[in-house]
Amino acid sequence: MNAPEFVGEAHRPSALVAAREYEDDDQAFVDAVSVDWDDAT
């Protein structure tokens, strides 16, 4: 999973989301549906 092609492709969608006008809304959604592994145990 350290192939340069994989790293580049994995980063590409993240960069697109970060550059969007609705970045704050997108991040709020991700935070809301993400599991805090420290709290999940």
PDB file of N, CA and C in Angstrom:
ATOM      1  N   MET A   1       0.810  -1.194   0.000  1.00  0.00           N
ATOM      2  CA  MET A   1       0.000   0.000   0.000  1.00  0.00           C
ATOM      3  C   MET A   1       0.856   1.262   0.000  1.00  0.00           C
ATOM      4  N   ASN A   2       2.131   1.122  -0.162  1.00  0.00           N
ATOM      5  CA  ASN A   2       3.003   2.292  -0.193  1.00  0.00           C
ATOM      6  C   ASN A   2       3.388   2.696  -1.606  1.00  0.00           C
ATOM      7  N   ALA A   3       2.771   2.059  -2.618  1.00  0.00           N
ATOM      8  CA  ALA A   3       3.081   2.413  -3.998  1.00  0.00           C
ATOM      9  C   ALA A   3       2.715   3.875  -4.242  1.00  0.00           C
ATOM     10  N   PRO A   4       3.568   4.599  -4.939  1.00  0.00           N
ATOM     11  CA  PRO A   4       3.284   6.018  -5.191  1.00  0.00           C
ATOM     12  C   PRO A   4       1.932   6.240  -5.868  1.00  0.00           C
ATOM     13  N   GLU A   5       1.553   5.330  -6.756  1.00  0.00           N
ATOM     14  CA  GLU A   5       0.263   5.468  -7.434  1.00  0.00           C
ATOM     15  C   GLU A   5      -0.886   5.367  -6.438  1.00  0.00           C
ATOM     16  N   PHE A   6      -0.776   4.442  -5.497  1.00  0.00           N
ATOM     17  CA  PHE A   6      -1.826   4.274  -4.492  1.00  0.00           C
ATOM     18  C   PHE A   6      -1.912   5.508  -3.599  1.00  0.00           C
ATOM     19  N   VAL A   7      -0.779   5.970  -3.151  1.00  0.00           N
ATOM     20  CA  VAL A   7      -0.750   7.140  -2.265  1.00  0.00           C
ATOM     21  C   VAL A   7      -1.365   8.344  -2.973  1.00  0.00           C
ATOM     22  N   GLY A   8      -1.004   8.539  -4.224  1.00  0.00           N
ATOM     23  CA  GLY A   8      -1.549   9.665  -4.980  1.00  0.00           C
ATOM     24  C   GLY A   8      -3.047   9.554  -5.172  1.00  0.00           C
ATOM     25  N   GLU A   9      -3.525   8.360  -5.504  1.00  0.00           N
ATOM     26  CA  GLU A   9      -4.955   8.169  -5.728  1.00  0.00           C
ATOM     27  C   GLU A   9      -5.731   8.263  -4.422  1.00  0.00           C
ATOM     28  N   ALA A  10      -5.161   7.826  -3.329  1.00  0.00           N
ATOM     29  CA  ALA A  10      -5.829   7.930  -2.031  1.00  0.00           C
ATOM     30  C   ALA A  10      -5.936   9.398  -1.599  1.00  0.00           C
ATOM     31  N   HIS A  11      -4.967  10.192  -1.954  1.00  0.00           N
ATOM     32  CA  HIS A  11      -4.961  11.607  -1.568  1.00  0.00           C
ATOM     33  C   HIS A  11      -5.898  12.445  -2.437  1.00  0.00           C
ATOM     34  N   ARG A  12      -6.061  12.065  -3.691  1.00  0.00           N
ATOM     35  CA  ARG A  12      -6.819  12.871  -4.654  1.00  0.00           C
ATOM     36  C   ARG A  12      -8.237  13.183  -4.185  1.00  0.00           C
ATOM     37  N   PRO A  13      -9.056  12.190  -3.771  1.00  0.00           N
ATOM     38  CA  PRO A  13     -10.409  12.534  -3.345  1.00  0.00           C
ATOM     39  C   PRO A  13     -10.434  13.414  -2.091  1.00  0.00           C
ATOM     40  N   SER A  14      -9.488  13.203  -1.201  1.00  0.00           N
ATOM     41  CA  SER A  14      -9.422  14.033   0.004  1.00  0.00           C
ATOM     42  C   SER A  14      -9.141  15.486  -0.353  1.00  0.00           C
ATOM     43  N   ALA A  15      -8.240  15.686  -1.291  1.00  0.00           N
ATOM     44  CA  ALA A  15      -7.914  17.048  -1.713  1.00  0.00           C
ATOM     45  C   ALA A  15      -9.106  17.709  -2.392  1.00  0.00           C
ATOM     46  N   LEU A  16      -9.859  16.944  -3.171  1.00  0.00           N
ATOM     47  CA  LEU A  16     -11.047  17.496  -3.827  1.00  0.00           C
ATOM     48  C   LEU A  16     -12.088  17.936  -2.801  1.00  0.00           C
ATOM     49  N   VAL A  17     -12.305  17.115  -1.796  1.00  0.00           N
ATOM     50  CA  VAL A  17     -13.276  17.463  -0.757  1.00  0.00           C
ATOM     51  C   VAL A  17     -12.803  18.690   0.014  1.00  0.00           C
ATOM     52  N   ALA A  18     -11.525  18.732   0.330  1.00  0.00           N
ATOM     53  CA  ALA A  18     -10.988  19.856   1.103  1.00  0.00           C
ATOM     54  C   ALA A  18     -11.091  21.173   0.340  1.00  0.00           C
ATOM     55  N   ALA A  19     -11.068  21.113  -0.979  1.00  0.00           N
ATOM     56  CA  ALA A  19     -11.106  22.327  -1.788  1.00  0.00           C
ATOM     57  C   ALA A  19     -12.528  22.809  -2.067  1.00  0.00           C
ATOM     58  N   ARG A  20     -13.513  22.057  -1.663  1.00  0.00           N
ATOM     59  CA  ARG A  20     -14.900  22.409  -1.956  1.00  0.00           C
ATOM     60  C   ARG A  20     -15.377  23.582  -1.108  1.00  0.00           C
ATOM     61  N   GLU A  21     -16.361  24.260  -1.633  1.00  0.00           N
ATOM     62  CA  GLU A  21     -16.973  25.393  -0.931  1.00  0.00           C
ATOM     63  C   GLU A  21     -17.636  24.948   0.367  1.00  0.00           C
ATOM     64  N   TYR A  22     -18.109  23.713   0.390  1.00  0.00           N
ATOM     65  CA  TYR A  22     -18.848  23.201   1.544  1.00  0.00           C
ATOM     66  C   TYR A  22     -17.964  22.364   2.462  1.00  0.00           C
ATOM     67  N   GLU A  23     -16.690  22.664   2.487  1.00  0.00           N
ATOM     68  CA  GLU A  23     -15.730  21.894   3.272  1.00  0.00           C
ATOM     69  C   GLU A  23     -16.165  21.743   4.729  1.00  0.00           C
ATOM     70  N   ASP A  24     -16.635  22.807   5.353  1.00  0.00           N
ATOM     71  CA  ASP A  24     -17.033  22.738   6.763  1.00  0.00           C
ATOM     72  C   ASP A  24     -18.201  21.782   6.964  1.00  0.00           C
ATOM     73  N   ASP A  25     -19.186  21.825   6.061  1.00  0.00           N
ATOM     74  CA  ASP A  25     -20.327  20.913   6.155  1.00  0.00           C
ATOM     75  C   ASP A  25     -19.890  19.472   5.952  1.00  0.00           C
ATOM     76  N   ASP A  26     -19.003  19.260   4.981  1.00  0.00           N
ATOM     77  CA  ASP A  26     -18.511  17.910   4.714  1.00  0.00           C
ATOM     78  C   ASP A  26     -17.769  17.355   5.929  1.00  0.00           C
ATOM     79  N   GLN A  27     -16.916  18.180   6.530  1.00  0.00           N
ATOM     80  CA  GLN A  27     -16.152  17.723   7.685  1.00  0.00           C
ATOM     81  C   GLN A  27     -17.066  17.475   8.872  1.00  0.00           C
ATOM     82  N   ALA A  28     -18.071  18.291   9.042  1.00  0.00           N
ATOM     83  CA  ALA A  28     -19.025  18.088  10.135  1.00  0.00           C
ATOM     84  C   ALA A  28     -19.746  16.756   9.975  1.00  0.00           C
ATOM     85  N   PHE A  29     -20.098  16.403   8.734  1.00  0.00           N
ATOM     86  CA  PHE A  29     -20.746  15.120   8.486  1.00  0.00           C
ATOM     87  C   PHE A  29     -19.804  13.970   8.820  1.00  0.00           C
ATOM     88  N   VAL A  30     -18.575  14.040   8.348  1.00  0.00           N
ATOM     89  CA  VAL A  30     -17.599  12.979   8.622  1.00  0.00           C
ATOM     90  C   VAL A  30     -17.391  12.836  10.120  1.00  0.00           C
ATOM     91  N   ASP A  31     -17.267  13.941  10.823  1.00  0.00           N
ATOM     92  CA  ASP A  31     -17.090  13.891  12.274  1.00  0.00           C
ATOM     93  C   ASP A  31     -18.300  13.268  12.962  1.00  0.00           C
ATOM     94  N   ALA A  32     -19.493  13.564  12.464  1.00  0.00           N
ATOM     95  CA  ALA A  32     -20.720  13.053  13.088  1.00  0.00           C
ATOM     96  C   ALA A  32     -20.872  11.547  12.922  1.00  0.00           C
ATOM     97  N   VAL A  33     -20.413  11.012  11.803  1.00  0.00           N
ATOM     98  CA  VAL A  33     -20.599   9.575  11.558  1.00  0.00           C
ATOM     99  C   VAL A  33     -19.366   8.758  11.905  1.00  0.00           C
ATOM    100  N   SER A  34     -18.302   9.411  12.331  1.00  0.00           N
ATOM    101  CA  SER A  34     -17.070   8.703  12.673  1.00  0.00           C
ATOM    102  C   SER A  34     -17.124   8.196  14.104  1.00  0.00           C
ATOM    103  N   VAL A  35     -16.448   7.094  14.319  1.00  0.00           N
ATOM    104  CA  VAL A  35     -16.377   6.494  15.645  1.00  0.00           C
ATOM    105  C   VAL A  35     -15.109   6.980  16.334  1.00  0.00           C
ATOM    106  N   ASP A  36     -15.256   7.465  17.541  1.00  0.00           N
ATOM    107  CA  ASP A  36     -14.090   7.786  18.353  1.00  0.00           C
ATOM    108  C   ASP A  36     -13.682   6.494  19.043  1.00  0.00           C
ATOM    109  N   TRP A  37     -12.612   5.881  18.563  1.00  0.00           N
ATOM    110  CA  TRP A  37     -12.240   4.543  19.036  1.00  0.00           C
ATOM    111  C   TRP A  37     -11.931   4.525  20.527  1.00  0.00           C
ATOM    112  N   ASP A  38     -11.519   5.646  21.088  1.00  0.00           N
ATOM    113  CA  ASP A  38     -11.270   5.689  22.530  1.00  0.00           C
ATOM    114  C   ASP A  38     -12.574   5.567  23.312  1.00  0.00           C
ATOM    115  N   ASP A  39     -13.662   6.104  22.762  1.00  0.00           N
ATOM    116  CA  ASP A  39     -14.960   6.044  23.428  1.00  0.00           C
ATOM    117  C   ASP A  39     -15.718   4.758  23.127  1.00  0.00           C
ATOM    118  N   ALA A  40     -15.306   4.019  22.106  1.00  0.00           N
ATOM    119  CA  ALA A  40     -16.043   2.834  21.656  1.00  0.00           C
ATOM    120  C   ALA A  40     -15.738   1.594  22.492  1.00  0.00           C
ATOM    121  N   THR A  41     -14.756   1.656  23.343  1.00  0.00           N
ATOM    122  CA  THR A  41     -14.389   0.458  24.115  1.00  0.00           C
ATOM    123  C   THR A  41     -15.083   0.410  25.450  1.00  0.00           C
TER     124      THR A  41
END
